[in-house]
Protein backbone atom coordinates (compact mmCIF):
# COMPACT_ATOMS: atom_id res chain seq x y z
CA MET A 1 28.27 34.60 20.82
CA ARG A 2 31.00 36.56 19.09
CA PHE A 3 28.60 37.71 16.35
CA ALA A 4 25.89 38.69 18.85
CA ARG A 5 28.50 40.55 20.93
CA PHE A 6 29.64 42.46 17.76
CA LYS A 7 26.00 43.40 16.83
CA ARG A 8 25.29 44.54 20.39
CA GLY A 9 28.34 46.75 20.36
CA LEU A 10 27.21 48.36 17.03
CA CYS A 11 23.72 48.98 18.55
CA LEU A 12 25.22 50.68 21.67
CA LYS A 13 27.46 52.80 19.48
CA THR A 14 24.39 53.86 17.47
CA VAL A 15 22.54 54.86 20.61
CA ASP A 16 25.59 56.76 21.87
CA SER A 17 25.80 58.59 18.54
CA CYS A 18 22.16 59.59 18.81
CA PHE A 19 22.79 61.35 22.12
CA GLN A 20 26.02 62.82 20.76
CA ASP A 21 24.16 64.20 17.73
CA LEU A 22 21.61 65.76 20.09
CA LYS A 23 24.35 67.43 22.06
CA ASP A 24 26.09 68.77 19.04
CA SER A 25 22.99 70.03 17.29
CA ARG A 26 20.79 71.35 20.06
CA PHE A 27 22.94 72.15 23.03
CA VAL A 28 24.24 75.46 21.69
CA GLU A 29 22.62 77.67 24.31
CA GLU A 30 23.05 77.82 28.04
CA THR A 31 19.34 77.89 28.99
CA PHE A 32 16.27 76.08 27.52
CA THR A 33 12.63 76.32 28.15
CA VAL A 34 10.49 73.38 29.25
CA ASP A 35 8.99 73.03 25.79
CA GLU A 36 12.40 73.01 24.18
CA VAL A 37 13.66 70.27 26.52
CA THR A 38 10.47 68.29 25.98
CA ASP A 39 10.89 68.57 22.20
CA MET A 40 14.55 67.47 22.36
CA LEU A 41 13.71 64.46 24.54
CA ASP A 42 10.85 63.43 22.34
CA GLY A 43 13.01 63.57 19.31
CA LEU A 44 15.73 61.62 21.04
CA ARG A 45 13.18 59.01 22.26
CA THR A 46 11.90 58.57 18.71
CA VAL A 47 15.39 58.08 17.25
CA VAL A 48 16.54 55.73 19.97
CA HIS A 49 13.24 53.78 19.84
CA SER A 50 13.66 53.27 16.09
CA GLU A 51 17.29 52.17 16.37
CA VAL A 52 16.57 49.78 19.27
CA GLU A 53 13.52 48.34 17.57
CA SER A 54 15.41 47.84 14.29
CA GLU A 55 18.21 46.07 16.09
CA LEU A 56 15.86 43.82 18.10
CA ILE A 57 13.97 42.84 14.95
CA ASN A 58 17.29 42.16 13.16
CA THR A 59 18.44 40.02 16.13
CA THR A 60 15.22 38.01 16.04
CA TYR A 61 15.43 37.38 12.39
CA THR A 62 19.00 36.38 12.68
CA ASN A 63 18.15 33.83 15.37
CA VAL A 64 15.38 32.48 13.21
CA LEU A 65 17.77 32.03 10.21
CA LEU A 66 20.26 30.25 12.54
CA LEU A 67 17.58 27.92 13.81
CA ARG A 68 16.37 27.34 10.27
CA GLN A 69 19.83 26.06 9.30
CA LEU A 70 19.94 23.69 12.26
CA PHE A 71 16.42 22.41 11.68
CA SER A 72 17.14 21.90 7.99
CA GLN A 73 20.20 19.77 8.79
CA ALA A 74 18.18 17.79 11.44
CA GLU A 75 15.44 17.18 8.90
CA LYS A 76 17.95 16.00 6.34
CA TRP A 77 19.22 13.33 8.72
CA TYR A 78 15.75 12.47 10.08
CA LEU A 79 16.55 13.70 13.58
CA LYS A 80 13.92 14.55 16.18
CA LEU A 81 14.72 17.67 18.14
CA GLN A 82 13.01 18.78 21.35
CA THR A 83 13.12 22.30 22.89
CA ASP A 84 12.04 23.65 26.24
CA VAL A 85 11.05 27.37 25.85
CA SER A 86 10.91 27.82 29.64
CA GLU A 87 14.65 27.28 29.80
CA LEU A 88 15.12 30.56 27.81
CA GLU A 89 14.22 32.51 30.95
CA ASN A 90 16.15 30.36 33.36
CA ARG A 91 18.14 32.97 35.40
CA GLU A 92 20.80 30.51 36.44
CA LEU A 93 21.51 29.39 32.85
CA LEU A 94 21.51 33.03 31.69
CA GLU A 95 24.07 33.86 34.30
CA GLN A 96 26.25 30.93 33.21
CA VAL A 97 26.05 32.24 29.64
CA ALA A 98 27.07 35.69 30.86
CA GLU A 99 29.91 34.25 32.83
CA PHE A 100 31.01 32.30 29.76
CA GLU A 101 30.94 35.48 27.63
CA LYS A 102 32.90 37.36 30.25
CA SER A 103 35.59 34.64 30.56
CA GLU A 104 35.89 34.15 26.78
CA PHE A 105 35.88 37.74 25.45
CA THR A 106 36.78 40.18 28.23
CA SER A 107 40.02 38.35 28.92
CA SER A 108 40.74 37.40 25.32
CA ASN A 109 44.04 39.28 25.41
CA LYS A 110 45.26 37.26 28.38
CA LYS A 111 46.73 33.86 27.92
CA PRO A 112 44.40 31.40 29.69
CA SER A 113 45.85 28.99 32.16
CA ALA A 114 45.75 25.22 31.56
CA ASP A 115 43.30 24.71 34.36
CA LEU A 116 40.72 27.14 32.86
CA ILE A 117 40.84 25.60 29.39
CA LYS A 118 37.77 23.33 29.06
CA PRO A 119 37.81 20.45 26.67
CA LYS A 120 35.79 20.94 23.53
CA LEU A 121 33.67 18.40 21.79
CA ALA A 122 34.93 16.94 18.53
CA PRO A 123 32.95 18.08 15.51
CA LEU A 124 30.29 15.68 14.29
CA HIS A 125 31.23 16.03 10.58
CA GLU A 126 29.34 13.03 9.07
CA GLY A 127 28.12 11.43 12.27
CA GLY A 128 24.47 11.57 11.24
CA SER A 129 25.42 10.29 7.79
CA GLU A 130 27.37 7.44 9.40
CA LEU A 131 24.37 6.45 11.54
CA LEU A 132 22.06 6.67 8.54
CA ASN A 133 24.46 4.61 6.45
CA LYS A 134 24.57 1.94 9.16
CA THR A 135 20.77 1.83 9.28
CA VAL A 136 20.55 1.62 5.46
CA ALA A 137 23.17 -1.15 5.45
CA CYS A 138 21.23 -3.18 8.06
CA LEU A 139 18.06 -2.77 6.01
CA GLN A 140 19.83 -3.83 2.80
CA GLU A 141 21.29 -6.82 4.54
CA GLU A 142 17.88 -7.88 5.82
CA ASN A 143 16.46 -7.23 2.37
CA GLU A 144 19.06 -9.54 0.82
CA LYS A 145 18.21 -12.23 3.35
CA LEU A 146 14.53 -11.97 2.45
CA LYS A 147 15.35 -12.16 -1.30
CA THR A 148 17.53 -15.25 -0.74
CA ARG A 149 14.76 -16.90 1.30
CA LEU A 150 12.18 -15.97 -1.39
CA LYS A 151 14.38 -17.45 -4.15
CA THR A 152 14.71 -20.62 -2.14
CA ILE A 153 10.93 -20.92 -1.74
CA GLU A 154 10.44 -20.19 -5.45
CA THR A 155 12.92 -22.94 -6.29
CA GLN A 156 11.11 -25.44 -4.04
CA ALA A 157 7.78 -24.39 -5.55
CA THR A 158 9.14 -24.87 -9.11
CA ALA A 159 10.58 -28.28 -8.18
CA ALA A 160 7.18 -29.27 -6.64
CA LEU A 161 5.37 -28.16 -9.80
CA ASP A 162 7.73 -30.12 -12.00
CA GLU A 163 7.28 -33.23 -9.93
CA LYS A 164 3.51 -32.75 -10.04
CA SER A 165 3.64 -32.49 -13.82
CA LYS A 166 5.65 -35.71 -14.01
CA LEU A 167 3.20 -37.47 -11.75
CA GLU A 168 0.24 -36.19 -13.77
CA LYS A 169 1.90 -37.47 -16.96
CA SER A 170 2.50 -40.88 -15.33
CA LEU A 171 -1.15 -40.98 -14.28
CA LYS A 172 -2.30 -40.20 -17.85
CA ASP A 173 -0.06 -43.01 -19.16
CA LEU A 174 -1.65 -45.41 -16.68
CA GLN A 175 -5.10 -44.27 -17.68
CA MET A 176 -4.20 -44.77 -21.37
CA ILE A 177 -3.00 -48.32 -20.55
CA GLN A 178 -6.27 -49.00 -18.67
CA GLY A 179 -8.17 -47.66 -21.69
CA ASP A 180 -6.28 -49.96 -24.01
CA GLN A 181 -7.12 -52.91 -21.79
CA LYS A 182 -10.77 -51.98 -21.92
CA THR A 183 -10.54 -51.69 -25.72
CA ASN A 184 -9.11 -55.18 -25.91
CA GLU A 185 -11.94 -56.42 -23.72
CA ASN A 186 -14.52 -54.75 -26.02
CA GLN A 187 -12.89 -56.40 -29.00
CA ASP A 188 -13.17 -59.82 -27.33
CA ILE A 189 -16.88 -59.21 -26.69
CA ALA A 190 -17.27 -58.13 -30.35
CA GLU A 191 -15.65 -61.27 -31.52
CA LEU A 192 -17.92 -63.38 -29.33
CA GLU A 193 -20.93 -61.47 -30.66
CA ASN A 194 -19.77 -62.17 -34.16
CA LYS A 195 -19.39 -65.78 -33.36
CA VAL A 196 -22.92 -65.89 -31.97
CA ALA A 197 -24.20 -64.10 -35.09
CA ALA A 198 -22.45 -66.74 -37.18
CA LEU A 199 -23.97 -69.49 -35.14
CA LYS A 200 -27.37 -67.92 -35.63
CA CYS A 201 -26.86 -67.83 -39.38
CA GLN A 202 -25.69 -71.42 -39.34
CA PHE A 203 -28.67 -72.37 -37.23
CA GLU A 204 -31.10 -70.69 -39.54
CA LYS A 205 -29.53 -72.38 -42.61
CA THR A 206 -29.67 -75.71 -40.96
CA LEU A 207 -33.32 -75.09 -39.95
CA ASN A 208 -34.20 -74.29 -43.53
CA ASP A 209 -32.34 -77.35 -44.87
CA SER A 210 -33.70 -79.90 -42.48
CA THR A 211 -36.84 -79.71 -40.40
CA ALA A 212 -36.04 -83.07 -38.91
CA ASN A 213 -33.16 -81.59 -36.89
CA GLN A 214 -35.22 -78.58 -35.74
CA LYS A 215 -35.48 -79.73 -32.12
CA PHE A 216 -31.79 -80.55 -32.01
CA LEU A 217 -30.90 -77.14 -33.41
CA GLU A 218 -33.24 -75.37 -31.00
CA ASP A 219 -31.57 -77.17 -28.16
CA ASN A 220 -28.19 -76.26 -29.52
CA LEU A 221 -29.32 -72.66 -29.84
CA ALA A 222 -30.53 -72.55 -26.28
CA THR A 223 -27.25 -74.03 -25.14
CA THR A 224 -25.37 -71.56 -27.23
CA LYS A 225 -27.31 -68.64 -25.75
CA HIS A 226 -26.75 -69.99 -22.28
CA ASP A 227 -22.97 -70.23 -23.02
CA LEU A 228 -23.05 -66.74 -24.43
CA LEU A 229 -24.63 -65.31 -21.28
CA LYS A 230 -22.24 -67.28 -19.21
CA VAL A 231 -19.29 -65.97 -21.23
CA GLN A 232 -20.64 -62.39 -20.97
CA ASN A 233 -21.07 -62.81 -17.25
CA GLN A 234 -17.52 -64.16 -16.99
CA LEU A 235 -16.19 -61.20 -19.06
CA SER A 236 -18.05 -58.75 -16.87
CA THR A 237 -16.78 -60.40 -13.70
CA ALA A 238 -13.27 -60.49 -15.13
CA GLU A 239 -13.45 -56.82 -16.08
CA LYS A 240 -14.54 -55.80 -12.57
CA GLU A 241 -11.89 -57.96 -10.97
CA LEU A 242 -9.25 -56.48 -13.32
CA GLU A 243 -10.29 -52.89 -12.39
CA LYS A 244 -10.46 -53.77 -8.68
CA LYS A 245 -7.01 -55.39 -8.82
CA PHE A 246 -5.59 -52.33 -10.67
CA GLN A 247 -6.98 -50.00 -8.03
CA GLN A 248 -5.45 -52.22 -5.29
CA THR A 249 -2.07 -52.29 -6.83
CA ALA A 250 0.75 -50.66 -4.85
CA ALA A 251 1.72 -48.39 -7.78
CA TYR A 252 -1.79 -46.94 -8.01
CA ARG A 253 -2.06 -46.34 -4.26
CA ASN A 254 1.49 -44.89 -4.07
CA MET A 255 0.88 -42.55 -6.97
CA LYS A 256 -2.43 -41.36 -5.52
CA GLU A 257 -0.80 -40.75 -2.15
CA ILE A 258 2.16 -38.84 -3.71
CA LEU A 259 -0.27 -36.64 -5.74
CA THR A 260 -2.17 -35.82 -2.51
CA LYS A 261 1.09 -34.93 -0.64
CA LYS A 262 2.33 -32.81 -3.49
CA ASN A 263 -0.96 -30.90 -3.68
CA GLU A 264 -0.71 -30.14 0.06
CA GLN A 265 2.89 -29.00 -0.32
CA ILE A 266 1.94 -26.71 -3.22
CA LYS A 267 -0.86 -25.15 -1.10
CA ASP A 268 1.60 -24.48 1.75
CA LEU A 269 4.20 -22.93 -0.60
CA ARG A 270 1.54 -20.73 -2.16
CA LYS A 271 0.53 -19.50 1.31
CA LYS A 272 4.21 -18.72 2.15
CA LEU A 273 4.66 -16.92 -1.16
CA SER A 274 1.58 -14.77 -0.55
CA LYS A 275 3.24 -13.43 2.65
CA TYR A 276 6.17 -12.02 0.64
CA GLU A 277 4.20 -10.61 -2.31
CA PRO A 278 3.95 -6.77 -2.17
CA GLU A 279 0.55 -5.34 -1.36
CA ASP A 280 -1.16 -3.25 -4.07
């Protein structure tokens, strides 16, 4: 307001000087013709028009620069400003501004009374910065919480993967043990086959040596074959029962159940982790 008042005073002084220059330069005679008066007024109008236009343009540009500073500060602190252009022509508000100017500047030499002194607002200083810092602090705190939660989930996922690896290793060991048992069974069958082969050789030798014992040897061979089939049947049955008993053991069922649960937990953890992974 003080700056605008000063500029307005300079403009009025410039207009006054235009009239004074006209008086000093042209009013040297007592009488003037109509053409002379018209010429003097046209010249005065041109000069005053130029001065007033220049001052109005300068005032407009000054207001623009002032608003630019305010808008730049508001943009820096991410503030949203709203203006109502219609209020610029509000006669009541304009009269209040005029009354404020009159009370502040026309009586500046007088000491104002305590009743007329209005309280002034405290400067903002870093108010916008403080609000922004609080917002940033809240966001950082929330970010730290999310990081802590993510680390906890990652730790749980790592532990689940380690436990799954241990269970898989245990399962492989059991499979190896089962494979060894099958190998032993195959060795027993091979030994029995070797025995049968030896019996066949012995039978053939005996058959060549004595034709008198042929029927006896044939019967013995039939009996041996029958025993062999019986033994093979017993081995096959024993193998199936062994495998069935192994699958029915509590260790096998518990391990299978644990592996199933751990696979479900890993799937859930992966779904949770996918929610916190940044999008590409």
